[in-house]
Amino acid sequence: MPERTVSIGSPLGLHARPATLFVKAVNETGLPVTISREGHEPVDARSVLAVMTMGADHGQEVTLHCEDLEGAEQALDTLVDLLASDPDAT
C-alpha cells in the first residue's frame, strides 16, 4: 500500500481553505486516499469535515495512504506537495 508522510505547510494547519483544496485534489484523483496523524485513526481524505476535524496543525506530520492502484504513487506525490505548501502565501 503506497504511503507518504509530510509536514503540514500551512501556518494555520488544515483549516478550511487548505483542507478544501486538499480534498478537492484528492477527489480529482478518483482514488481512495486516507490521511492520519500520529495517535489517531486514518480518515477519508475525500471528506472536508473528516480532514478538518483531524486537527492537523502547522508542522505536524500526517501520513497519506492509498490502495495499490494505477496512478497511486504519482497521486500521493502531488498531494504531498500540496500539503507541504502554504496555499495562503501570496
N, C-alpha and C. Protein backbone atom coordinates (compact mmCIF):
# COMPACT_ATOMS: atom_id res chain seq x y z
N MET A 1 0.85 -1.17 0.00
CA MET A 1 0.00 0.00 0.00
C MET A 1 0.90 1.24 0.00
N PRO A 2 0.83 2.05 -1.04
CA PRO A 2 1.64 3.27 -1.09
C PRO A 2 1.27 4.22 0.05
N GLU A 3 2.29 4.87 0.60
CA GLU A 3 2.05 5.89 1.63
C GLU A 3 3.13 6.94 1.56
N ARG A 4 2.79 8.12 2.04
CA ARG A 4 3.73 9.24 2.11
C ARG A 4 3.49 9.96 3.43
N THR A 5 4.56 10.48 4.03
CA THR A 5 4.46 11.29 5.23
C THR A 5 4.97 12.68 4.89
N VAL A 6 4.25 13.70 5.40
CA VAL A 6 4.58 15.09 5.08
C VAL A 6 4.22 15.98 6.27
N SER A 7 4.96 17.08 6.41
CA SER A 7 4.64 18.08 7.42
C SER A 7 3.71 19.12 6.81
N ILE A 8 2.70 19.51 7.56
CA ILE A 8 1.73 20.49 7.08
C ILE A 8 2.41 21.85 6.93
N GLY A 9 2.32 22.43 5.74
CA GLY A 9 2.98 23.69 5.44
C GLY A 9 2.17 24.93 5.76
N SER A 10 0.87 24.81 5.81
CA SER A 10 0.03 25.98 6.09
C SER A 10 0.23 26.44 7.53
N PRO A 11 0.52 27.74 7.74
CA PRO A 11 0.74 28.24 9.10
C PRO A 11 -0.45 28.01 10.04
N LEU A 12 -1.62 27.88 9.49
CA LEU A 12 -2.82 27.66 10.31
C LEU A 12 -3.24 26.19 10.34
N GLY A 13 -2.41 25.31 9.79
CA GLY A 13 -2.77 23.90 9.75
C GLY A 13 -3.82 23.63 8.68
N LEU A 14 -4.49 22.50 8.82
CA LEU A 14 -5.52 22.15 7.82
C LEU A 14 -6.85 22.78 8.20
N HIS A 15 -6.88 24.11 8.16
CA HIS A 15 -8.13 24.83 8.37
C HIS A 15 -8.94 24.80 7.09
N ALA A 16 -10.01 25.57 7.01
CA ALA A 16 -10.98 25.47 5.92
C ALA A 16 -10.38 25.53 4.51
N ARG A 17 -9.60 26.55 4.22
CA ARG A 17 -9.09 26.71 2.84
C ARG A 17 -8.12 25.59 2.44
N PRO A 18 -7.05 25.33 3.21
CA PRO A 18 -6.15 24.25 2.82
C PRO A 18 -6.83 22.88 2.79
N ALA A 19 -7.73 22.64 3.73
CA ALA A 19 -8.44 21.36 3.75
C ALA A 19 -9.31 21.21 2.51
N THR A 20 -9.99 22.28 2.14
CA THR A 20 -10.84 22.24 0.95
C THR A 20 -10.03 22.00 -0.32
N LEU A 21 -8.90 22.69 -0.44
CA LEU A 21 -8.05 22.50 -1.62
C LEU A 21 -7.49 21.09 -1.67
N PHE A 22 -7.09 20.56 -0.51
CA PHE A 22 -6.57 19.21 -0.43
C PHE A 22 -7.63 18.19 -0.82
N VAL A 23 -8.81 18.30 -0.24
CA VAL A 23 -9.90 17.35 -0.52
C VAL A 23 -10.29 17.41 -1.99
N LYS A 24 -10.32 18.60 -2.56
CA LYS A 24 -10.64 18.74 -3.98
C LYS A 24 -9.60 17.97 -4.82
N ALA A 25 -8.34 18.13 -4.48
CA ALA A 25 -7.27 17.43 -5.21
C ALA A 25 -7.39 15.92 -5.04
N VAL A 26 -7.73 15.47 -3.83
CA VAL A 26 -7.91 14.04 -3.60
C VAL A 26 -9.04 13.52 -4.48
N ASN A 27 -10.17 14.21 -4.48
CA ASN A 27 -11.31 13.76 -5.27
C ASN A 27 -11.01 13.75 -6.76
N GLU A 28 -10.17 14.66 -7.22
CA GLU A 28 -9.79 14.68 -8.63
C GLU A 28 -8.97 13.45 -9.02
N THR A 29 -8.28 12.84 -8.07
CA THR A 29 -7.51 11.63 -8.38
C THR A 29 -8.42 10.44 -8.64
N GLY A 30 -9.60 10.44 -8.03
CA GLY A 30 -10.51 9.31 -8.15
C GLY A 30 -10.06 8.10 -7.34
N LEU A 31 -9.08 8.29 -6.48
CA LEU A 31 -8.52 7.18 -5.69
C LEU A 31 -8.98 7.26 -4.24
N PRO A 32 -9.10 6.12 -3.57
CA PRO A 32 -9.48 6.10 -2.15
C PRO A 32 -8.26 6.39 -1.27
N VAL A 33 -8.12 7.63 -0.86
CA VAL A 33 -6.98 8.06 -0.06
C VAL A 33 -7.43 8.29 1.38
N THR A 34 -6.59 7.89 2.33
CA THR A 34 -6.84 8.22 3.72
C THR A 34 -5.68 9.06 4.24
N ILE A 35 -5.95 9.81 5.30
CA ILE A 35 -4.94 10.66 5.93
C ILE A 35 -5.01 10.43 7.43
N SER A 36 -3.85 10.40 8.06
CA SER A 36 -3.83 10.20 9.51
C SER A 36 -2.69 11.01 10.12
N ARG A 37 -2.81 11.24 11.42
CA ARG A 37 -1.69 11.82 12.16
C ARG A 37 -1.42 10.90 13.33
N GLU A 38 -0.24 11.03 13.88
CA GLU A 38 0.20 10.11 14.93
C GLU A 38 -0.81 10.05 16.07
N GLY A 39 -1.13 8.82 16.46
CA GLY A 39 -2.03 8.62 17.58
C GLY A 39 -3.51 8.68 17.24
N HIS A 40 -3.83 8.84 15.95
CA HIS A 40 -5.22 8.94 15.52
C HIS A 40 -5.49 7.96 14.37
N GLU A 41 -6.71 7.52 14.29
CA GLU A 41 -7.12 6.62 13.22
C GLU A 41 -7.15 7.38 11.89
N PRO A 42 -6.86 6.70 10.78
CA PRO A 42 -6.96 7.34 9.46
C PRO A 42 -8.40 7.75 9.17
N VAL A 43 -8.52 8.86 8.43
CA VAL A 43 -9.83 9.34 8.00
C VAL A 43 -9.86 9.41 6.48
N ASP A 44 -11.05 9.43 5.93
CA ASP A 44 -11.24 9.52 4.49
C ASP A 44 -10.81 10.91 4.01
N ALA A 45 -9.79 10.96 3.18
CA ALA A 45 -9.28 12.23 2.68
C ALA A 45 -10.19 12.87 1.65
N ARG A 46 -11.29 12.21 1.31
CA ARG A 46 -12.26 12.77 0.36
C ARG A 46 -13.33 13.58 1.08
N SER A 47 -13.22 13.69 2.40
CA SER A 47 -14.21 14.40 3.21
C SER A 47 -13.59 15.62 3.88
N VAL A 48 -14.09 16.81 3.55
CA VAL A 48 -13.58 18.04 4.15
C VAL A 48 -13.77 18.01 5.67
N LEU A 49 -14.92 17.59 6.11
CA LEU A 49 -15.21 17.55 7.54
C LEU A 49 -14.24 16.62 8.27
N ALA A 50 -14.00 15.44 7.70
CA ALA A 50 -13.09 14.48 8.33
C ALA A 50 -11.67 15.04 8.40
N VAL A 51 -11.23 15.68 7.33
CA VAL A 51 -9.87 16.23 7.28
C VAL A 51 -9.73 17.38 8.28
N MET A 52 -10.71 18.27 8.34
CA MET A 52 -10.64 19.40 9.26
C MET A 52 -10.70 18.96 10.72
N THR A 53 -11.55 17.99 11.04
CA THR A 53 -11.69 17.57 12.43
C THR A 53 -10.51 16.71 12.89
N MET A 54 -9.67 16.31 11.97
CA MET A 54 -8.47 15.57 12.33
C MET A 54 -7.55 16.45 13.17
N GLY A 55 -7.62 17.77 12.97
CA GLY A 55 -6.86 18.70 13.79
C GLY A 55 -5.37 18.75 13.52
N ALA A 56 -4.96 18.67 12.26
CA ALA A 56 -3.54 18.73 11.92
C ALA A 56 -3.07 20.18 11.91
N ASP A 57 -2.08 20.48 12.73
CA ASP A 57 -1.54 21.83 12.86
C ASP A 57 -0.31 22.02 11.99
N HIS A 58 0.11 23.28 11.85
CA HIS A 58 1.31 23.62 11.09
C HIS A 58 2.51 22.82 11.60
N GLY A 59 3.26 22.22 10.69
CA GLY A 59 4.45 21.48 11.04
C GLY A 59 4.20 20.06 11.52
N GLN A 60 2.96 19.73 11.77
CA GLN A 60 2.64 18.38 12.23
C GLN A 60 2.71 17.41 11.05
N GLU A 61 3.22 16.21 11.30
CA GLU A 61 3.32 15.22 10.24
C GLU A 61 2.01 14.45 10.10
N VAL A 62 1.62 14.26 8.86
CA VAL A 62 0.47 13.43 8.53
C VAL A 62 0.94 12.39 7.52
N THR A 63 0.22 11.28 7.48
CA THR A 63 0.56 10.21 6.55
C THR A 63 -0.62 9.94 5.64
N LEU A 64 -0.34 9.90 4.35
CA LEU A 64 -1.35 9.58 3.35
C LEU A 64 -1.18 8.12 2.94
N HIS A 65 -2.29 7.43 2.79
CA HIS A 65 -2.30 6.03 2.35
C HIS A 65 -3.25 5.91 1.17
N CYS A 66 -2.93 5.00 0.28
CA CYS A 66 -3.80 4.71 -0.85
C CYS A 66 -3.63 3.24 -1.22
N GLU A 67 -4.70 2.66 -1.72
CA GLU A 67 -4.60 1.29 -2.20
C GLU A 67 -3.61 1.27 -3.37
N ASP A 68 -3.03 0.12 -3.61
CA ASP A 68 -2.03 -0.02 -4.66
C ASP A 68 -2.72 -0.10 -6.03
N LEU A 69 -3.20 1.04 -6.48
CA LEU A 69 -3.90 1.15 -7.75
C LEU A 69 -3.06 1.94 -8.73
N GLU A 70 -3.39 1.82 -10.00
CA GLU A 70 -2.67 2.57 -11.02
C GLU A 70 -2.77 4.07 -10.74
N GLY A 71 -1.64 4.73 -10.74
CA GLY A 71 -1.58 6.18 -10.53
C GLY A 71 -1.47 6.59 -9.07
N ALA A 72 -1.49 5.63 -8.15
CA ALA A 72 -1.46 5.96 -6.72
C ALA A 72 -0.17 6.67 -6.31
N GLU A 73 0.96 6.17 -6.76
CA GLU A 73 2.24 6.77 -6.38
C GLU A 73 2.32 8.23 -6.81
N GLN A 74 1.98 8.49 -8.06
CA GLN A 74 2.02 9.86 -8.57
C GLN A 74 1.00 10.74 -7.87
N ALA A 75 -0.19 10.22 -7.61
CA ALA A 75 -1.22 10.99 -6.92
C ALA A 75 -0.75 11.38 -5.52
N LEU A 76 -0.15 10.45 -4.80
CA LEU A 76 0.33 10.76 -3.45
C LEU A 76 1.44 11.80 -3.50
N ASP A 77 2.32 11.73 -4.48
CA ASP A 77 3.38 12.73 -4.62
C ASP A 77 2.78 14.12 -4.80
N THR A 78 1.76 14.23 -5.64
CA THR A 78 1.10 15.50 -5.88
C THR A 78 0.42 16.02 -4.62
N LEU A 79 -0.25 15.13 -3.89
CA LEU A 79 -0.95 15.52 -2.67
C LEU A 79 0.03 15.96 -1.58
N VAL A 80 1.18 15.29 -1.51
CA VAL A 80 2.21 15.67 -0.54
C VAL A 80 2.71 17.08 -0.83
N ASP A 81 2.95 17.38 -2.09
CA ASP A 81 3.41 18.72 -2.47
C ASP A 81 2.38 19.77 -2.05
N LEU A 82 1.12 19.46 -2.22
CA LEU A 82 0.05 20.39 -1.85
C LEU A 82 0.03 20.62 -0.34
N LEU A 83 0.12 19.54 0.44
CA LEU A 83 0.09 19.68 1.90
C LEU A 83 1.33 20.40 2.44
N ALA A 84 2.45 20.22 1.79
CA ALA A 84 3.69 20.86 2.26
C ALA A 84 3.74 22.35 1.96
N SER A 85 2.89 22.80 1.07
CA SER A 85 2.90 24.21 0.66
C SER A 85 1.99 25.05 1.56
N ASP A 86 2.09 26.35 1.40
CA ASP A 86 1.21 27.29 2.10
C ASP A 86 0.27 27.90 1.06
N PRO A 87 -0.97 27.41 0.98
CA PRO A 87 -1.88 27.93 -0.05
C PRO A 87 -2.30 29.37 0.17
N ASP A 88 -2.05 29.90 1.35
CA ASP A 88 -2.44 31.28 1.65
C ASP A 88 -1.30 32.27 1.40
N ALA A 89 -0.12 31.77 1.00
CA ALA A 89 1.02 32.66 0.71
C ALA A 89 0.76 33.44 -0.57
N THR A 90 1.18 34.66 -0.57
CA THR A 90 0.98 35.49 -1.77
C THR A 90 2.27 35.76 -2.47
